[in-house]
Amino acid sequence: MSKATDFSERRAQLNDIVMKYAGLNTKRFLNLDTQIYKDGALPEKTKEMLGLVASLVLRCDDCISYHLLNCQQQGVTSEELEEILAVGLIVGGSITIPHLRRALELWDELPPASSHPR
């Protein structure tokens, strides 16, 4: 099983458990999280790139994987990804390097976006 598939399946399983116990406040927060990344003044692709940078700086591997997979679905190229991660690296410093490594390991196994060759 690929890292991307494993991550996505495990995340779905855990989300099911969260929703089993979720009260109104948790449901509202999760809905806001979903809504904030939709197209608005900024397109969804840009918001996912911002989410990836923030996740790298905060050193959240689950968040990095989530936004990385969404960036790939939005057509982010390898060249764009390198610049996205460079912004996170400069803001977050050398402590983000292990997370950058894992992000690139996951990216390396993903197929390139059909309209954006690597």
Protein backbone atom coordinates (compact mmCIF):
# COMPACT_ATOMS: atom_id res chain seq x y z
CA MET A 1 0.00 0.00 0.00
CA SER A 2 1.30 3.45 -0.85
CA LYS A 3 1.97 6.09 1.79
CA ALA A 4 -0.73 8.30 0.24
CA THR A 5 -3.34 5.54 0.30
CA ASP A 6 -2.38 4.47 3.81
CA PHE A 7 -2.59 8.06 5.06
CA SER A 8 -5.95 8.73 3.38
CA GLU A 9 -7.54 5.51 4.62
CA ARG A 10 -6.29 5.97 8.17
CA ARG A 11 -7.43 9.60 8.21
CA ALA A 12 -10.91 8.55 7.05
CA GLN A 13 -11.08 5.88 9.78
CA LEU A 14 -10.04 8.34 12.46
CA ASN A 15 -12.47 10.99 11.17
CA ASP A 16 -15.29 8.44 11.47
CA ILE A 17 -14.36 7.92 15.12
CA VAL A 18 -14.18 11.66 15.74
CA MET A 19 -17.62 12.17 14.18
CA LYS A 20 -19.04 9.36 16.32
CA TYR A 21 -18.28 11.46 19.40
CA ALA A 22 -18.41 14.97 17.92
CA GLY A 23 -20.63 17.54 19.51
CA LEU A 24 -21.85 20.74 17.92
CA ASN A 25 -18.63 22.69 18.58
CA THR A 26 -16.41 20.03 16.99
CA LYS A 27 -18.76 19.75 14.00
CA ARG A 28 -18.77 23.53 13.56
CA PHE A 29 -14.98 23.68 13.68
CA LEU A 30 -14.58 20.86 11.16
CA ASN A 31 -17.13 22.49 8.85
CA LEU A 32 -15.27 25.81 9.06
CA ASP A 33 -12.02 24.00 8.24
CA THR A 34 -13.67 22.54 5.13
CA GLN A 35 -15.25 25.81 4.04
CA ILE A 36 -12.14 27.99 4.46
CA TYR A 37 -10.25 26.16 1.69
CA LYS A 38 -12.96 26.63 -0.97
CA ASP A 39 -12.56 29.16 -3.78
CA GLY A 40 -13.09 32.76 -2.70
CA ALA A 41 -10.97 35.86 -3.24
CA LEU A 42 -8.13 33.31 -3.29
CA PRO A 43 -8.49 30.13 -5.34
CA GLU A 44 -8.51 26.73 -3.60
CA LYS A 45 -5.06 25.92 -5.00
CA THR A 46 -3.53 28.99 -3.36
CA LYS A 47 -5.23 28.22 -0.05
CA GLU A 48 -3.88 24.65 -0.11
CA MET A 49 -0.39 25.98 -0.77
CA LEU A 50 -0.77 28.35 2.20
CA GLY A 51 -2.03 25.47 4.32
CA LEU A 52 1.02 23.43 3.34
CA VAL A 53 3.42 26.21 4.34
CA ALA A 54 1.65 26.73 7.67
CA SER A 55 1.67 22.98 8.33
CA LEU A 56 5.39 22.74 7.60
CA VAL A 57 6.16 25.67 9.91
CA LEU A 58 3.99 24.12 12.64
CA ARG A 59 5.65 20.73 11.99
CA CYS A 60 2.43 18.73 11.74
CA ASP A 61 3.15 15.69 9.56
CA ASP A 62 -0.55 14.76 9.23
CA CYS A 63 -1.39 18.29 8.12
CA ILE A 64 1.56 18.35 5.72
CA SER A 65 0.41 15.09 4.14
CA TYR A 66 -3.19 16.30 3.90
CA HIS A 67 -2.28 19.58 2.20
CA LEU A 68 0.36 17.93 0.03
CA LEU A 69 -2.21 15.49 -1.37
CA ASN A 70 -4.65 18.36 -1.93
CA CYS A 71 -1.94 20.41 -3.65
CA GLN A 72 -1.26 17.48 -5.98
CA GLN A 73 -4.99 17.25 -6.77
CA GLN A 74 -5.04 21.01 -7.46
CA GLY A 75 -2.29 20.59 -10.07
CA VAL A 76 0.70 21.91 -8.14
CA THR A 77 3.89 21.10 -10.02
CA SER A 78 7.14 19.89 -8.53
CA GLU A 79 8.66 23.29 -9.28
CA GLU A 80 5.86 25.05 -7.42
CA LEU A 81 6.18 22.58 -4.55
CA GLU A 82 9.89 23.32 -4.19
CA GLU A 83 9.13 27.02 -3.82
CA ILE A 84 6.26 26.36 -1.40
CA LEU A 85 8.51 24.24 0.79
CA ALA A 86 11.32 26.79 0.54
CA VAL A 87 9.00 29.44 2.00
CA GLY A 88 8.14 27.09 4.86
CA LEU A 89 11.82 26.29 5.39
CA ILE A 90 12.87 29.94 5.55
CA VAL A 91 10.04 30.81 7.95
CA GLY A 92 10.30 27.68 10.08
CA GLY A 93 14.05 27.19 10.03
CA SER A 94 16.15 24.06 10.05
CA ILE A 95 13.84 22.29 12.50
CA THR A 96 11.41 21.83 9.59
CA ILE A 97 13.93 19.82 7.52
CA PRO A 98 12.79 16.37 8.75
CA HIS A 99 9.21 17.30 7.85
CA LEU A 100 10.34 18.61 4.47
CA ARG A 101 12.05 15.25 3.85
CA ARG A 102 8.90 13.30 4.64
CA ALA A 103 6.81 15.64 2.48
CA LEU A 104 9.09 15.11 -0.49
CA GLU A 105 9.13 11.35 0.11
CA LEU A 106 5.32 11.33 -0.15
CA TRP A 107 5.33 13.70 -3.14
CA ASP A 108 7.84 11.46 -4.93
CA GLU A 109 5.38 8.57 -4.99
CA LEU A 110 2.42 10.63 -6.27
CA PRO A 111 1.62 10.74 -9.98
CA PRO A 112 2.15 14.13 -11.58
CA ALA A 113 -0.96 16.20 -12.16
CA SER A 114 -2.19 15.45 -15.67
CA SER A 115 -1.94 19.04 -16.88
CA HIS A 116 1.19 19.90 -14.91
CA PRO A 117 4.08 17.55 -15.73
CA ARG A 118 6.89 17.33 -13.24
